[in-house]
Each structure stands twice: as C-alpha cells, then as structure tokens.
Amino acid sequence: MIVRAALIGDAKGICAVWNPLIQDTATTFTSDMKTVAGIQQDIEARKGAYFVAENNDEIIGFASYFPFRGGPGYAYTKEHSINLAPQARGQGAGRALMQALEQHAADQGVHSLWAGISAENPSGVSFHEKLGFTHIARLPEVGFKFDRWMDLILMQKFLRP
C-alpha cells in the first residue's frame, strides 16, 4: 500500500470508495452521490490537500482537508474527511492517510484540524481518538438521512503550538 497526493485521474477510484458509503451507511449525512467531475474539481481546488491510499493500483481510501468556515479569522483551522473501502479498514491505510494529511496541513500553517463524525460511526470516533483528536461536542439531531435525525460528534486536534 502507498499513500500519495491525489491526481485528477484518481477521481473515479475515489467515487468508487465514497459512493457506496453515501448510499448505504450513516457515516456521512449526504445523500448526494459524488461525480468524477466534482471530485476532479475538489482535487484541483485543494492544491495538494487531498491524498489517496492505493493498493495494487486500486484506490482503497482517501483523505482531504478544506476550510472549516469562511472568513479570514478561520484561515488556520480546517475540517477533514477520510474514507476507506471496507477491505482497507484495520490495515493501517487510515493512519497513513492521516499522517500525510496532518503533515501537509502543518506545513501549510494549519493550527487545528476538525472532524465531524456521525454518532452512528463509533469506529470513526475511536479511530480519531487513537490519533490524538479530542471530543469537543455532540450536536444533537443536526443530520438527517434514512428518514431519521442523527447526531454529529465534533473532534479537534492541534497541529501547531
């Protein structure tokens, strides 16, 4: 397995990882399927802040960070997303992706990273705890999917002193 910066040509593989999670799980609150063109735009717009894990020429996971909120006062705070194909879980791909993402973010002067995790994804919360993220808040019933309300867990990790 290798972790590297995402390329425009990886968009189809990223969609192949992400869309089943969107369609079948509550790990993300969106129900809008990702498109190759949309992922390509994100890769270009994020200027290196997008990584993939690849095994045998297949994308098995990805991670990216993006603005936490608009406005100059939030310039050093970012939110991230990480998703793995089911066969990649527990194999070190997630940790490797986050190490690459955190290093890139720190090199860009990012002060802290935020994770917004569905409360219906306890393994996502545990994963972030193991990486040093701190539980900050639980936002009740802010997500709606599969005809039900879901809570969001907010976690934070400081990258720079």
Protein backbone atom coordinates (compact mmCIF):
# COMPACT_ATOMS: atom_id res chain seq x y z
CA MET A 1 0.00 0.00 0.00
CA ILE A 2 1.19 3.51 -0.79
CA VAL A 3 -0.15 6.90 0.23
CA ARG A 4 0.35 9.74 -2.20
CA ALA A 5 -1.10 13.05 -3.31
CA ALA A 6 -4.33 12.58 -5.27
CA LEU A 7 -4.24 13.09 -9.01
CA ILE A 8 -7.10 14.12 -11.30
CA GLY A 9 -7.13 10.56 -12.66
CA ASP A 10 -7.93 9.19 -9.18
CA ALA A 11 -11.42 10.70 -9.17
CA LYS A 12 -13.13 7.57 -10.46
CA GLY A 13 -11.47 5.43 -7.78
CA ILE A 14 -12.39 7.94 -5.07
CA CYS A 15 -16.02 7.83 -6.23
CA ALA A 16 -15.87 4.02 -6.07
CA VAL A 17 -14.87 4.24 -2.39
CA TRP A 18 -17.17 7.11 -1.42
CA ASN A 19 -20.45 6.43 -3.21
CA PRO A 20 -21.23 3.09 -1.51
CA LEU A 21 -20.70 4.80 1.85
CA ILE A 22 -23.07 7.59 0.83
CA GLN A 23 -25.69 5.18 -0.46
CA ASP A 24 -25.55 2.51 2.24
CA THR A 25 -24.26 3.99 5.51
CA ALA A 26 -24.80 6.77 8.01
CA THR A 27 -21.08 7.58 8.18
CA THR A 28 -21.85 10.62 6.05
CA PHE A 29 -25.07 12.60 6.19
CA THR A 30 -25.10 13.46 2.49
CA SER A 31 -27.24 11.51 0.09
CA ASP A 32 -25.80 13.24 -2.99
CA MET A 33 -23.60 10.82 -4.91
CA LYS A 34 -20.15 12.07 -5.86
CA THR A 35 -19.26 12.56 -9.51
CA VAL A 36 -15.93 12.17 -11.24
CA ALA A 37 -16.09 15.80 -12.40
CA GLY A 38 -16.88 17.04 -8.88
CA ILE A 39 -14.01 15.09 -7.32
CA GLN A 40 -11.64 16.35 -10.03
CA GLN A 41 -12.64 19.92 -9.17
CA ASP A 42 -12.04 19.25 -5.46
CA ILE A 43 -8.58 17.79 -6.12
CA GLU A 44 -7.62 20.85 -8.19
CA ALA A 45 -9.11 23.35 -5.73
CA ARG A 46 -7.45 21.86 -2.65
CA LYS A 47 -3.93 22.24 -4.07
CA GLY A 48 -2.28 19.17 -2.59
CA ALA A 49 -4.58 18.82 0.42
CA TYR A 50 -6.01 15.58 -0.99
CA PHE A 51 -4.40 12.16 -0.54
CA VAL A 52 -5.19 8.62 -1.63
CA ALA A 53 -4.17 5.20 -0.37
CA GLU A 54 -3.53 2.79 -3.20
CA ASN A 55 -3.03 -0.97 -3.18
CA ASN A 56 -2.29 -2.93 -6.36
CA ASP A 57 -3.23 0.09 -8.50
CA GLU A 58 -6.63 0.39 -6.77
CA ILE A 59 -7.75 3.37 -4.67
CA ILE A 60 -8.69 1.95 -1.24
CA GLY A 61 -9.12 5.22 0.65
CA PHE A 62 -8.71 8.96 0.61
CA ALA A 63 -8.38 11.92 2.95
CA SER A 64 -8.65 15.64 2.37
CA TYR A 65 -8.94 18.87 4.28
CA PHE A 66 -10.78 22.05 3.46
CA PRO A 67 -11.91 25.31 5.12
CA PHE A 68 -13.67 24.89 8.45
CA ARG A 69 -15.69 28.06 7.95
CA GLY A 70 -15.48 31.08 5.68
CA GLY A 71 -13.66 34.28 6.51
CA PRO A 72 -10.05 35.18 7.28
CA GLY A 73 -10.37 34.51 11.00
CA TYR A 74 -10.70 30.78 10.27
CA ALA A 75 -7.79 30.55 7.81
CA TYR A 76 -5.71 28.31 10.11
CA THR A 77 -8.50 25.93 11.07
CA LYS A 78 -9.52 23.16 8.68
CA GLU A 79 -12.01 20.31 8.61
CA HIS A 80 -11.07 16.97 7.13
CA SER A 81 -12.71 13.95 5.61
CA ILE A 82 -11.35 10.42 5.48
CA ASN A 83 -12.99 7.37 3.97
CA LEU A 84 -11.77 3.83 3.38
CA ALA A 85 -13.09 0.96 1.33
CA PRO A 86 -14.31 -1.85 3.62
CA GLN A 87 -11.39 -4.13 2.68
CA ALA A 88 -8.89 -1.43 3.70
CA ARG A 89 -10.09 -0.99 7.28
CA GLY A 90 -7.77 -2.17 10.04
CA GLN A 91 -4.80 -2.40 7.68
CA GLY A 92 -3.07 0.91 8.51
CA ALA A 93 -4.33 2.83 5.48
CA GLY A 94 -6.34 5.28 7.60
CA ARG A 95 -3.44 6.06 9.90
CA ALA A 96 -1.09 6.51 6.93
CA LEU A 97 -3.54 8.82 5.17
CA MET A 98 -3.98 10.93 8.31
CA GLN A 99 -0.23 11.19 8.86
CA ALA A 100 0.23 12.50 5.33
CA LEU A 101 -2.73 14.86 5.69
CA GLU A 102 -1.62 16.21 9.06
CA GLN A 103 1.95 16.77 7.84
CA HIS A 104 0.72 18.63 4.76
CA ALA A 105 -1.64 20.73 6.88
CA ALA A 106 1.08 21.57 9.41
CA ASP A 107 3.45 22.53 6.59
CA GLN A 108 0.74 24.92 5.32
CA GLY A 109 0.45 26.58 8.74
CA VAL A 110 -2.79 24.92 9.80
CA HIS A 111 -3.26 25.26 13.55
CA SER A 112 -6.00 22.67 14.10
CA LEU A 113 -7.96 20.02 12.27
CA TRP A 114 -11.60 19.24 12.95
CA ALA A 115 -13.52 16.04 12.35
CA GLY A 116 -17.29 15.91 12.08
CA ILE A 117 -18.25 12.29 12.72
CA SER A 118 -21.68 10.71 12.65
CA ALA A 119 -22.58 9.46 16.12
CA GLU A 120 -23.65 6.29 14.31
CA ASN A 121 -19.99 5.72 13.44
CA PRO A 122 -18.34 4.76 16.76
CA SER A 123 -15.36 3.24 14.95
CA GLY A 124 -14.72 6.66 13.37
CA VAL A 125 -14.75 8.28 16.81
CA SER A 126 -12.38 5.61 18.18
CA PHE A 127 -10.06 5.99 15.19
CA HIS A 128 -9.77 9.73 15.75
CA GLU A 129 -9.22 9.30 19.49
CA LYS A 130 -6.29 6.96 18.75
CA LEU A 131 -4.81 9.69 16.54
CA GLY A 132 -4.97 12.28 19.32
CA PHE A 133 -8.22 14.04 18.45
CA THR A 134 -10.24 15.30 21.41
CA HIS A 135 -14.01 15.05 21.69
CA ILE A 136 -15.29 18.63 21.78
CA ALA A 137 -19.05 18.44 21.28
CA ARG A 138 -22.04 16.37 20.34
CA LEU A 139 -24.56 18.25 18.20
CA PRO A 140 -27.93 16.55 18.58
CA GLU A 141 -30.08 15.86 15.54
CA VAL A 142 -28.20 18.05 13.06
CA GLY A 143 -28.05 15.40 10.33
CA PHE A 144 -30.99 13.82 8.55
CA LYS A 145 -30.68 10.69 6.46
CA PHE A 146 -32.58 7.43 6.04
CA ASP A 147 -35.70 9.16 7.40
CA ARG A 148 -34.17 9.81 10.81
CA TRP A 149 -32.28 12.50 12.71
CA MET A 150 -28.65 11.84 13.64
CA ASP A 151 -26.15 13.43 16.00
CA LEU A 152 -22.78 14.80 14.93
CA ILE A 153 -19.62 14.40 17.03
CA LEU A 154 -17.04 17.19 16.70
CA MET A 155 -13.41 16.32 17.43
CA GLN A 156 -10.29 18.52 17.23
CA LYS A 157 -6.55 18.06 17.04
CA PHE A 158 -4.00 20.87 17.37
CA LEU A 159 -1.16 20.60 14.86
CA ARG A 160 0.90 23.62 15.86
CA PRO A 161 1.73 25.07 19.26
